Amino acid sequence: MKKLHFKMLLLLAITIVSCSKEDTTQIEEPELTFPKEPLTVEQINAKIDQTLREKGDFDWNEVDEHFLWSAVVHGDNLLTIGYGAEGEFFSEVRTADIEKKKNAAIDIVVTNEGVQKDDLTLVEHEIINVIDVKAENIKTIIALRRSNNVRYLQPNGYNKFNETSQNLQRSSSGCDQSGQYINPAHYTTVAPNNAQVSWNFSEHNIPQAWNLSTGAGVTVGLIDTGVSQSQQLLNSSGFNDGYSSGRFVQKYGTFIDSAWWWSSNYDGPHDKCGHGTAMASTIASPRNDNGMPVGVAYNSNLVAYRATEDVLLNDYHERKGVSDALTQLGNRSDVKIISMSIGYIWSIGNIEDAVKYAYSKGKLIFAAGGTSTSFTNGFGVIFPATMNETVAVTGVDDGSNYERCETCHSGSKIDFTIIMEGDNNTSKSPPVLGFYNGDRRYTGGSSVATATTAGIAALVWSRYPSWSRTQVLNRLKQSSDFYPSRNGSFGYGNIDALQAVQ
């Protein structure tokens, strides 16, 4: 009996030790098997297009490793890695912990790519927790996906969707350097000596608001295609003239013009497209005696960034340029407002991180809801206007009923609208300064609506310089058509600038 009892105890002890050993043993995840060849560009685009039609959005986090790797292969083997724990979008101070997480991600790449660390092609961002690396092996994607130190992976070099997609072929680049004849019925004149006020300014009581505020003391950051060096009224030589005085304009460039994603060949601050020049004119063109269009906040300061070639953020250097501009503007204590009339149809990780950084610095960020060259049924509000940290704006016509402009996007994410098109008259758009001295042209879409709203916000902040971002935004809401309600497609609606500054 004693022997039996002893044997049972021994068997129990062995079982406990065995279980204990099993509990401390890491169970390896099953090895994933995928086709050796990447998907074709046509296959990738077809899947993206289908997802956009079914869900209205596309997320690289929701595709499998083979799909992601295929896009990386077709995007110059560029892989963007958002590292850190969930919610660690940026790091102003590079702590030992965040460096450890970054290096852990790099080590995974080095191991699976079979290269020495010093030989790895890598671009590092200073503030946002993102690195860009060369990745050729699907095992790299699989290993990074399993790491707790990785927030997202994106093929930021993949820019081929718009090349074959029927949907994106209707998305405008927004570039135009040509001057146009401006119908005199589309503006009024004010002192000094026939300064021209766009017809739609009166729809929002902007000229009346000038009796109380002109934007003085407020600095607006513009992230776009830059400002033309050939338009002197938006350069230091003509920015202070007439009723516009005591202010400054500064121009920077974060866009790199190169076929190589690791290049540092910065393209300078000057606009080569025309879109950024039009937006700068809308916000801050001087009120002088040249007989030219006046900006909404004609006494505000302007800090303009050439961060992109055009309005469609489909290129790696554009995405990095925008994220760099956002962090630089975020670090400026004098910048209150950021205006972005640019975007893409799905979220871009490094820009999203940078928006959150600028937002953490108290910036009021306006983003365009989206503009297309023909019909707008395909897409709703575009990124980054879809983010909670941005204020989304679109354009409507001047009819008695709220109707979006012919090429404007609308939807539940829209916060405000600006009248910028005639009812049944799409040629009736706001006139702005042209690319060259003495030129004027029309501009439209959600782009000019966004820049106009940024200008109105500058008027409010100039009137109440001690206010916070929340107070300024609340005043814009309270001064809009639908407040305190919110329309499902147009947010709070059209803003009354006079009411906003009172």
Protein backbone atom coordinates (compact mmCIF):
# COMPACT_ATOMS: atom_id res chain seq x y z
CA MET A 1 0.00 0.00 0.00
CA LYS A 2 2.83 2.36 0.87
CA LYS A 3 4.59 1.50 -2.38
CA LEU A 4 1.44 2.30 -4.37
CA HIS A 5 1.04 5.61 -2.57
CA PHE A 6 4.67 6.51 -3.27
CA LYS A 7 4.31 5.69 -6.99
CA MET A 8 1.25 7.92 -7.26
CA LEU A 9 3.08 10.81 -5.62
CA LEU A 10 6.04 10.31 -7.93
CA LEU A 11 3.77 10.27 -10.99
CA LEU A 12 2.05 13.47 -9.78
CA ALA A 13 5.40 15.21 -9.26
CA ILE A 14 6.57 14.27 -12.75
CA THR A 15 3.31 15.54 -14.21
CA ILE A 16 3.64 18.89 -12.38
CA VAL A 17 7.25 19.36 -13.50
CA SER A 18 6.32 18.42 -17.06
CA CYS A 19 3.42 20.91 -17.14
CA SER A 20 5.63 23.57 -15.62
CA LYS A 21 8.17 23.13 -18.38
CA GLU A 22 5.46 23.28 -21.05
CA ASP A 23 4.09 26.54 -19.61
CA THR A 24 7.46 28.27 -19.93
CA THR A 25 8.09 27.04 -23.44
CA GLN A 26 7.25 29.55 -26.22
CA ILE A 27 4.92 28.07 -28.77
CA GLU A 28 6.15 28.98 -32.21
CA GLU A 29 3.62 30.47 -34.57
CA PRO A 30 2.99 28.37 -37.67
CA GLU A 31 5.09 29.33 -40.67
CA LEU A 32 3.07 31.24 -43.24
CA THR A 33 3.34 30.08 -46.82
CA PHE A 34 2.69 32.35 -49.77
CA PRO A 35 3.32 32.25 -53.51
CA LYS A 36 6.93 32.96 -54.44
CA GLU A 37 5.97 35.53 -57.07
CA PRO A 38 4.40 38.89 -56.17
CA LEU A 39 0.99 39.91 -57.42
CA THR A 40 0.93 42.04 -60.55
CA VAL A 41 0.14 45.74 -60.44
CA GLU A 42 -3.21 44.99 -62.09
CA GLN A 43 -4.07 42.45 -59.37
CA ILE A 44 -3.09 44.84 -56.59
CA ASN A 45 -5.09 47.69 -58.07
CA ALA A 46 -8.14 45.51 -58.66
CA LYS A 47 -8.19 44.51 -54.98
CA ILE A 48 -7.74 48.09 -53.82
CA ASP A 49 -10.48 49.29 -56.15
CA GLN A 50 -12.87 46.57 -54.97
CA THR A 51 -12.21 47.40 -51.31
CA LEU A 52 -12.78 51.10 -51.91
CA ARG A 53 -16.09 50.39 -53.62
CA GLU A 54 -17.28 48.04 -50.88
CA LYS A 55 -16.00 49.88 -47.79
CA GLY A 56 -15.26 53.40 -48.98
CA ASP A 57 -11.74 53.07 -47.54
CA PHE A 58 -8.60 51.01 -47.86
CA ASP A 59 -6.22 49.99 -45.06
CA TRP A 60 -2.85 48.29 -45.58
CA ASN A 61 -3.17 46.78 -42.10
CA GLU A 62 -6.07 44.66 -43.31
CA VAL A 63 -4.29 42.95 -46.23
CA ASP A 64 -2.19 39.81 -45.92
CA GLU A 65 1.60 39.74 -45.98
CA HIS A 66 1.83 38.60 -49.59
CA PHE A 67 -0.37 41.46 -50.81
CA LEU A 68 1.66 44.00 -48.81
CA TRP A 69 4.96 42.52 -49.98
CA SER A 70 3.76 42.63 -53.60
CA ALA A 71 3.08 46.37 -53.30
CA VAL A 72 6.47 46.89 -51.68
CA VAL A 73 8.16 45.06 -54.57
CA HIS A 74 6.34 47.26 -57.12
CA GLY A 75 7.21 50.34 -55.06
CA ASP A 76 11.02 50.23 -55.32
CA ASN A 77 11.18 47.84 -52.35
CA LEU A 78 10.41 50.74 -50.01
CA LEU A 79 8.75 49.77 -46.73
CA THR A 80 7.60 52.38 -44.24
CA ILE A 81 7.60 51.12 -40.64
CA GLY A 82 5.67 52.92 -37.93
CA TYR A 83 7.39 51.67 -34.79
CA GLY A 84 6.59 52.00 -31.09
CA ALA A 85 3.73 50.87 -28.90
CA GLU A 86 0.13 51.59 -29.87
CA GLY A 87 -0.42 55.34 -29.57
CA GLU A 88 3.31 56.20 -29.72
CA PHE A 89 2.99 58.36 -32.82
CA PHE A 90 5.94 60.62 -32.13
CA SER A 91 8.80 61.22 -29.68
CA GLU A 92 10.14 64.71 -29.09
CA VAL A 93 12.69 63.19 -26.72
CA ARG A 94 14.37 60.08 -28.02
CA THR A 95 14.18 57.96 -24.88
CA ALA A 96 16.09 54.72 -24.42
CA ASP A 97 12.81 52.84 -24.65
CA ILE A 98 11.77 54.28 -28.03
CA GLU A 99 15.29 53.78 -29.40
CA LYS A 100 15.11 50.17 -28.27
CA LYS A 101 11.85 49.68 -30.15
CA LYS A 102 13.23 51.33 -33.28
CA ASN A 103 16.39 49.21 -33.18
CA ALA A 104 14.34 46.07 -32.61
CA ALA A 105 12.46 46.78 -35.85
CA ILE A 106 15.71 47.49 -37.69
CA ASP A 107 17.21 44.24 -36.37
CA ILE A 108 14.26 42.30 -37.78
CA VAL A 109 14.87 43.85 -41.19
CA VAL A 110 18.61 43.21 -41.06
CA THR A 111 18.13 39.57 -40.02
CA ASN A 112 15.52 38.74 -42.64
CA GLU A 113 17.13 40.71 -45.46
CA GLY A 114 20.52 39.13 -44.78
CA VAL A 115 22.42 42.42 -44.81
CA GLN A 116 24.78 44.18 -42.44
CA LYS A 117 23.23 46.99 -40.43
CA ASP A 118 25.64 49.52 -41.93
CA ASP A 119 24.61 48.44 -45.44
CA LEU A 120 20.85 48.80 -44.87
CA THR A 121 19.20 51.56 -46.92
CA LEU A 122 17.29 53.53 -44.31
CA VAL A 123 15.69 56.96 -43.87
CA GLU A 124 14.79 58.02 -40.35
CA HIS A 125 12.34 60.71 -39.27
CA GLU A 126 13.42 62.93 -36.40
CA ILE A 127 10.16 63.34 -34.47
CA ILE A 128 7.53 60.93 -35.72
CA ASN A 129 8.23 57.27 -34.96
CA VAL A 130 8.76 56.14 -38.53
CA ILE A 131 11.61 54.66 -40.53
CA ASP A 132 11.77 53.87 -44.25
CA VAL A 133 13.83 50.84 -45.27
CA LYS A 134 14.64 48.77 -48.31
CA ALA A 135 12.88 45.39 -47.98
CA GLU A 136 13.00 42.63 -50.61
CA ASN A 137 12.08 39.51 -48.62
CA ILE A 138 8.52 38.59 -47.68
CA LYS A 139 9.92 37.10 -44.45
CA THR A 140 10.75 40.64 -43.37
CA ILE A 141 7.07 41.61 -43.67
CA ILE A 142 5.95 38.50 -41.78
CA ALA A 143 8.42 39.02 -38.92
CA LEU A 144 7.61 42.72 -38.55
CA ARG A 145 3.88 41.99 -38.50
CA ARG A 146 4.48 39.71 -35.48
CA SER A 147 6.49 42.29 -33.55
CA ASN A 148 4.96 44.22 -30.65
CA ASN A 149 7.26 47.12 -31.55
CA VAL A 150 5.56 47.80 -34.91
CA ARG A 151 2.39 49.90 -35.24
CA TYR A 152 1.97 49.65 -39.00
CA LEU A 153 3.67 48.73 -42.26
CA GLN A 154 2.95 50.58 -45.51
CA PRO A 155 4.38 50.44 -49.06
CA ASN A 156 4.87 54.20 -49.39
CA GLY A 157 6.78 53.75 -52.63
CA TYR A 158 3.76 52.21 -54.35
CA ASN A 159 2.29 54.95 -56.54
CA LYS A 160 0.79 52.89 -59.35
CA PHE A 161 -2.85 52.82 -58.29
CA ASN A 162 -3.71 56.09 -59.99
CA GLU A 163 -1.98 54.95 -63.19
CA THR A 164 -4.59 52.31 -64.00
CA SER A 165 -7.58 53.10 -61.80
CA GLN A 166 -10.52 54.71 -63.53
CA ASN A 167 -11.51 56.22 -60.21
CA LEU A 168 -8.34 58.19 -59.63
CA GLN A 169 -8.05 59.34 -63.22
CA ARG A 170 -10.71 61.88 -62.34
CA SER A 171 -8.74 63.25 -59.40
CA SER A 172 -7.25 66.61 -60.27
CA SER A 173 -3.59 67.44 -59.87
CA GLY A 174 -4.76 71.03 -59.33
CA CYS A 175 -1.87 72.57 -61.29
CA ASP A 176 -2.42 75.65 -63.44
CA GLN A 177 0.07 78.43 -64.21
CA SER A 178 -2.07 80.17 -66.82
CA GLY A 179 -3.61 83.58 -66.32
CA GLN A 180 -7.31 84.04 -67.13
CA TYR A 181 -9.73 86.79 -68.00
CA ILE A 182 -11.81 87.60 -64.91
CA ASN A 183 -15.40 88.68 -65.45
CA PRO A 184 -15.89 92.07 -63.68
CA ALA A 185 -19.20 90.73 -62.35
CA HIS A 186 -17.23 88.27 -60.23
CA TYR A 187 -15.66 90.84 -57.94
CA THR A 188 -16.27 94.19 -56.30
CA THR A 189 -13.67 96.87 -55.59
CA VAL A 190 -12.59 98.55 -52.37
CA ALA A 191 -9.96 101.06 -51.31
CA PRO A 192 -7.18 101.57 -52.03
CA ASN A 193 -7.64 102.14 -55.76
CA ASN A 194 -9.78 99.24 -56.90
CA ALA A 195 -8.48 96.36 -54.82
CA GLN A 196 -10.59 93.41 -55.96
CA VAL A 197 -12.81 91.45 -53.56
CA SER A 198 -14.04 88.06 -54.76
CA TRP A 199 -17.81 87.76 -55.16
CA ASN A 200 -18.02 84.91 -52.65
CA PHE A 201 -16.46 86.96 -49.82
CA SER A 202 -19.73 88.86 -49.47
CA GLU A 203 -21.62 85.56 -49.19
CA HIS A 204 -19.73 85.03 -45.92
CA ASN A 205 -19.67 88.70 -44.77
CA ILE A 206 -15.89 88.79 -44.98
CA PRO A 207 -15.65 92.48 -46.09
CA GLN A 208 -17.86 93.44 -43.15
CA ALA A 209 -15.64 91.42 -40.81
CA TRP A 210 -12.64 93.51 -41.94
CA ASN A 211 -14.04 96.41 -39.93
CA LEU A 212 -13.15 94.40 -36.82
CA SER A 213 -10.24 92.20 -37.90
CA THR A 214 -7.81 91.84 -40.80
CA GLY A 215 -5.73 88.94 -39.48
CA ALA A 216 -2.93 91.04 -38.02
CA GLY A 217 -0.64 89.20 -35.63
CA VAL A 218 -1.70 85.70 -36.70
CA THR A 219 0.60 83.37 -38.63
CA VAL A 220 -0.94 80.83 -41.01
CA GLY A 221 1.03 77.81 -42.18
CA LEU A 222 0.29 76.63 -45.72
CA ILE A 223 1.33 73.13 -46.81
CA ASP A 224 0.98 72.84 -50.57
CA THR A 225 3.03 73.13 -53.75
CA GLY A 226 4.82 76.29 -52.62
CA VAL A 227 4.42 79.90 -53.71
CA SER A 228 5.53 81.22 -57.09
CA GLN A 229 8.69 83.30 -57.06
CA SER A 230 7.22 85.12 -60.09
CA GLN A 231 4.28 86.55 -58.12
CA GLN A 232 5.78 89.48 -56.23
CA LEU A 233 2.62 90.18 -54.22
CA LEU A 234 3.20 86.89 -52.38
CA ASN A 235 6.91 87.47 -51.86
CA SER A 236 8.68 89.85 -49.52
CA SER A 237 8.91 92.58 -52.17
CA GLY A 238 5.13 93.04 -52.44
CA PHE A 239 3.58 91.32 -49.43
CA ASN A 240 3.54 94.56 -47.40
CA ASP A 241 1.81 97.12 -49.55
CA GLY A 242 -1.23 99.39 -49.26
CA TYR A 243 -3.49 98.36 -46.37
CA SER A 244 -1.31 95.28 -45.72
CA SER A 245 1.61 96.14 -43.48
CA GLY A 246 3.79 94.98 -40.59
CA ARG A 247 3.71 91.32 -41.55
CA PHE A 248 5.97 88.68 -43.08
CA VAL A 249 5.93 85.86 -45.62
CA GLN A 250 8.36 82.94 -45.38
CA LYS A 251 8.90 80.10 -47.84
CA TYR A 252 10.38 76.67 -47.21
CA GLY A 253 10.75 73.44 -49.15
CA THR A 254 10.50 69.87 -47.86
CA PHE A 255 9.77 68.17 -51.18
CA ILE A 256 12.57 66.09 -52.70
CA ASP A 257 12.59 65.83 -56.48
CA SER A 258 14.18 62.48 -57.20
CA ALA A 259 13.40 59.04 -58.56
CA TRP A 260 15.30 57.57 -55.62
CA TRP A 261 13.38 57.43 -52.36
CA TRP A 262 16.55 57.72 -50.24
CA SER A 263 17.64 60.93 -52.01
CA SER A 264 18.07 64.24 -50.17
CA ASN A 265 17.80 66.42 -53.29
CA TYR A 266 15.43 69.08 -51.93
CA ASP A 267 13.59 70.98 -54.64
CA GLY A 268 13.43 74.38 -52.96
CA PRO A 269 10.48 76.51 -51.77
CA HIS A 270 9.15 77.80 -55.09
CA ASP A 271 5.89 76.68 -56.65
CA LYS A 272 6.12 74.90 -60.01
CA CYS A 273 2.44 73.92 -60.13
CA GLY A 274 0.34 76.99 -59.35
CA HIS A 275 -1.99 75.41 -56.79
CA GLY A 276 -0.08 76.61 -53.72
CA THR A 277 0.14 80.12 -55.14
CA ALA A 278 -3.65 80.22 -55.53
CA MET A 279 -4.16 79.04 -51.95
CA ALA A 280 -1.67 81.59 -50.60
CA SER A 281 -3.55 84.31 -52.50
CA THR A 282 -6.87 83.17 -51.01
CA ILE A 283 -5.51 83.35 -47.49
CA ALA A 284 -3.24 86.38 -47.44
CA SER A 285 -2.94 88.29 -50.73
CA PRO A 286 -2.28 91.98 -49.90
CA ARG A 287 -4.91 94.68 -50.09
CA ASN A 288 -3.19 97.34 -52.16
CA ASP A 289 -3.64 99.67 -55.12
CA ASN A 290 -2.61 97.22 -57.86
CA GLY A 291 -6.18 96.30 -58.76
CA MET A 292 -5.62 92.66 -57.85
CA PRO A 293 -7.53 90.07 -55.73
CA VAL A 294 -7.39 90.51 -51.94
CA GLY A 295 -6.89 87.65 -49.46
CA VAL A 296 -9.31 86.84 -46.64
CA ALA A 297 -6.77 87.69 -43.91
CA TYR A 298 -4.80 90.33 -45.79
CA ASN A 299 -2.78 91.36 -42.74
CA SER A 300 -1.85 87.87 -41.53
CA ASN A 301 1.63 86.38 -41.73
CA LEU A 302 2.17 83.46 -44.06
CA VAL A 303 4.60 80.53 -43.77
CA ALA A 304 4.36 78.50 -46.98
CA TYR A 305 5.85 75.06 -47.59
CA ARG A 306 6.54 73.41 -50.92
CA ALA A 307 5.91 69.90 -49.64
CA THR A 308 4.31 68.29 -52.69
CA GLU A 309 4.31 68.43 -56.51
CA ASP A 310 0.53 68.60 -56.80
CA VAL A 311 -2.54 67.98 -54.64
CA LEU A 312 -2.56 64.18 -54.93
CA LEU A 313 -0.28 62.60 -52.30
CA ASN A 314 0.58 59.45 -54.24
CA ASP A 315 4.37 59.72 -54.15
CA TYR A 316 6.78 58.84 -51.33
CA HIS A 317 8.60 62.18 -51.47
CA GLU A 318 5.28 64.06 -51.30
CA ARG A 319 4.19 62.06 -48.28
CA LYS A 320 7.48 62.57 -46.50
CA GLY A 321 7.52 66.23 -47.54
CA VAL A 322 4.09 66.81 -45.99
CA SER A 323 4.97 64.97 -42.78
CA ASP A 324 8.18 67.01 -42.45
CA ALA A 325 6.30 70.28 -43.05
CA LEU A 326 3.74 69.36 -40.41
CA THR A 327 6.37 68.67 -37.77
CA GLN A 328 8.27 71.85 -38.59
CA LEU A 329 5.12 73.98 -38.39
CA GLY A 330 4.14 72.13 -35.22
CA ASN A 331 7.39 73.29 -33.64
CA ARG A 332 6.72 76.97 -34.38
CA SER A 333 5.02 78.73 -31.49
CA ASP A 334 3.93 81.62 -33.73
CA VAL A 335 1.97 79.42 -36.14
CA LYS A 336 -1.67 79.13 -35.06
CA ILE A 337 -3.31 77.67 -38.17
CA ILE A 338 -2.30 75.11 -40.78
CA SER A 339 -4.11 74.90 -44.13
CA MET A 340 -3.81 71.77 -46.32
CA SER A 341 -5.72 71.65 -49.61
CA ILE A 342 -4.09 68.32 -50.49
CA GLY A 343 -4.82 64.67 -49.77
CA TYR A 344 -5.34 61.07 -50.80
CA ILE A 345 -8.16 58.53 -50.79
CA TRP A 346 -6.81 56.42 -47.92
CA SER A 347 -4.77 57.08 -44.79
CA ILE A 348 -0.99 57.55 -45.01
CA GLY A 349 0.75 56.53 -41.79
CA ASN A 350 3.62 59.01 -41.63
CA ILE A 351 1.31 61.94 -42.43
CA GLU A 352 -1.21 60.74 -39.86
CA ASP A 353 1.54 60.63 -37.22
CA ALA A 354 2.69 64.12 -38.17
CA VAL A 355 -0.84 65.55 -38.05
CA LYS A 356 -1.18 64.20 -34.53
CA TYR A 357 2.12 65.82 -33.61
CA ALA A 358 1.07 69.24 -34.95
CA TYR A 359 -2.31 68.86 -33.24
CA SER A 360 -0.57 68.11 -29.93
CA LYS A 361 1.07 71.52 -30.29
CA GLY A 362 -2.29 73.29 -30.37
CA LYS A 363 -2.50 73.92 -34.12
CA LEU A 364 -5.89 74.38 -35.78
CA ILE A 365 -5.55 72.23 -38.91
CA PHE A 366 -7.86 72.64 -41.90
CA ALA A 367 -7.95 69.98 -44.62
CA ALA A 368 -9.78 69.78 -47.95
CA GLY A 369 -12.66 67.32 -48.17
CA GLY A 370 -11.73 66.39 -51.74
CA THR A 371 -12.10 67.64 -55.30
CA SER A 372 -12.46 65.61 -58.51
CA THR A 373 -12.36 66.64 -62.13
CA SER A 374 -15.69 65.10 -63.13
CA PHE A 375 -18.31 63.28 -61.00
CA THR A 376 -17.73 62.74 -57.28
CA ASN A 377 -19.76 59.61 -56.63
CA GLY A 378 -16.71 57.36 -56.22
CA PHE A 379 -15.20 58.78 -53.05
CA GLY A 380 -16.38 60.56 -49.96
CA VAL A 381 -14.18 62.76 -47.80
CA ILE A 382 -10.47 62.11 -48.39
CA PHE A 383 -7.50 61.84 -46.03
CA PRO A 384 -6.33 63.74 -43.98
CA ALA A 385 -9.70 65.51 -43.74
CA THR A 386 -11.06 62.20 -42.40
CA MET A 387 -8.96 62.53 -39.23
CA ASN A 388 -10.46 63.73 -35.95
CA GLU A 389 -7.49 66.08 -35.54
CA THR A 390 -8.33 68.02 -38.71
CA VAL A 391 -11.21 70.31 -39.65
CA ALA A 392 -12.71 69.16 -42.96
CA VAL A 393 -14.00 71.73 -45.47
CA THR A 394 -15.75 71.47 -48.82
CA GLY A 395 -17.32 73.81 -51.34
CA VAL A 396 -20.98 74.48 -52.17
CA ASP A 397 -22.73 76.60 -54.77
CA ASP A 398 -24.68 79.80 -54.20
CA GLY A 399 -28.11 78.29 -54.85
CA SER A 400 -30.99 78.47 -52.39
CA ASN A 401 -30.48 74.83 -51.41
CA TYR A 402 -27.25 73.38 -50.08
CA GLU A 403 -25.55 71.61 -52.96
CA ARG A 404 -21.88 70.71 -53.17
CA CYS A 405 -19.91 72.18 -56.03
CA GLU A 406 -19.82 70.04 -59.15
CA THR A 407 -16.42 68.55 -58.31
CA CYS A 408 -16.51 68.69 -54.50
CA HIS A 409 -16.73 65.76 -52.09
CA SER A 410 -19.12 65.73 -49.14
CA GLY A 411 -20.02 63.42 -46.28
CA SER A 412 -20.36 63.00 -42.54
CA LYS A 413 -16.74 64.03 -41.90
CA ILE A 414 -17.24 67.54 -43.33
CA ASP A 415 -17.20 70.29 -40.68
CA PHE A 416 -17.73 73.50 -42.71
CA THR A 417 -18.63 74.69 -46.19
CA ILE A 418 -17.72 77.72 -48.27
CA ILE A 419 -19.71 79.08 -51.22
CA MET A 420 -17.29 79.00 -54.15
CA GLU A 421 -19.36 78.22 -57.25
CA GLY A 422 -22.37 79.67 -58.98
CA ASP A 423 -25.60 77.71 -59.07
CA ASN A 424 -25.56 76.12 -62.56
CA ASN A 425 -22.52 78.25 -63.40
CA THR A 426 -19.31 76.41 -62.66
CA SER A 427 -17.19 79.14 -64.27
CA LYS A 428 -18.22 81.49 -61.46
CA SER A 429 -15.41 80.69 -59.05
CA PRO A 430 -13.29 82.91 -56.77
CA PRO A 431 -10.64 84.97 -58.60
CA VAL A 432 -7.11 84.85 -57.13
CA LEU A 433 -3.62 86.02 -57.99
CA GLY A 434 -2.03 84.19 -60.91
CA PHE A 435 1.33 82.44 -61.08
CA TYR A 436 3.00 85.46 -62.74
CA ASN A 437 2.97 89.15 -61.87
CA GLY A 438 -0.12 90.90 -63.16
CA ASP A 439 -2.00 87.65 -63.76
CA ARG A 440 -5.26 86.55 -62.20
CA ARG A 441 -7.14 83.29 -62.49
CA TYR A 442 -10.14 81.42 -61.14
CA THR A 443 -9.77 78.66 -58.58
CA GLY A 444 -12.35 76.35 -57.06
CA GLY A 445 -13.17 73.06 -55.37
CA SER A 446 -12.69 72.12 -51.75
CA SER A 447 -9.15 73.54 -52.03
CA VAL A 448 -10.17 77.19 -52.10
CA ALA A 449 -12.95 76.47 -49.59
CA THR A 450 -10.31 75.20 -47.16
CA ALA A 451 -7.97 78.15 -47.67
CA THR A 452 -10.90 80.56 -47.23
CA THR A 453 -11.86 78.93 -43.93
CA ALA A 454 -8.26 79.12 -42.72
CA GLY A 455 -8.35 82.84 -43.52
CA ILE A 456 -11.59 83.32 -41.57
CA ALA A 457 -10.06 81.50 -38.60
CA ALA A 458 -7.13 83.94 -38.79
CA LEU A 459 -9.59 86.84 -38.57
CA VAL A 460 -11.12 85.33 -35.44
CA TRP A 461 -7.79 84.59 -33.77
CA SER A 462 -6.55 88.10 -34.59
CA ARG A 463 -9.66 89.54 -32.97
CA TYR A 464 -9.22 87.31 -29.89
CA PRO A 465 -5.45 86.63 -29.65
CA SER A 466 -5.63 85.01 -26.19
CA TRP A 467 -8.12 82.36 -27.30
CA SER A 468 -7.28 78.67 -27.57
CA ARG A 469 -7.79 76.50 -30.62
CA THR A 470 -10.99 75.12 -29.09
CA GLN A 471 -12.41 78.60 -28.52
CA VAL A 472 -11.69 79.67 -32.10
CA LEU A 473 -13.18 76.48 -33.52
CA ASN A 474 -16.26 76.82 -31.33
CA ARG A 475 -16.77 80.38 -32.56
CA LEU A 476 -16.63 79.17 -36.16
CA LYS A 477 -19.26 76.55 -35.36
CA GLN A 478 -21.50 79.05 -33.56
CA SER A 479 -21.29 81.37 -36.57
CA SER A 480 -22.39 78.75 -39.09
CA ASP A 481 -25.78 78.03 -40.67
CA PHE A 482 -26.71 74.73 -39.03
CA TYR A 483 -25.37 75.32 -35.53
CA PRO A 484 -26.14 73.86 -32.99
CA SER A 485 -27.16 71.01 -35.31
CA ARG A 486 -24.88 69.27 -37.77
CA ASN A 487 -25.81 68.33 -41.33
CA GLY A 488 -24.97 64.79 -42.44
CA SER A 489 -23.15 65.97 -45.57
CA PHE A 490 -22.10 69.58 -44.84
CA GLY A 491 -21.29 69.72 -41.14
CA TYR A 492 -22.11 73.09 -39.59
CA GLY A 493 -22.47 74.65 -43.04
CA ASN A 494 -21.48 78.11 -44.28
CA ILE A 495 -19.63 80.42 -41.90
CA ASP A 496 -20.64 84.03 -41.26
CA ALA A 497 -17.27 85.78 -40.82
CA LEU A 498 -18.77 88.94 -39.36
CA GLN A 499 -20.62 87.01 -36.69
CA ALA A 500 -17.45 85.04 -35.98
CA VAL A 501 -15.36 88.13 -35.20
CA GLN A 502 -18.01 90.01 -33.20
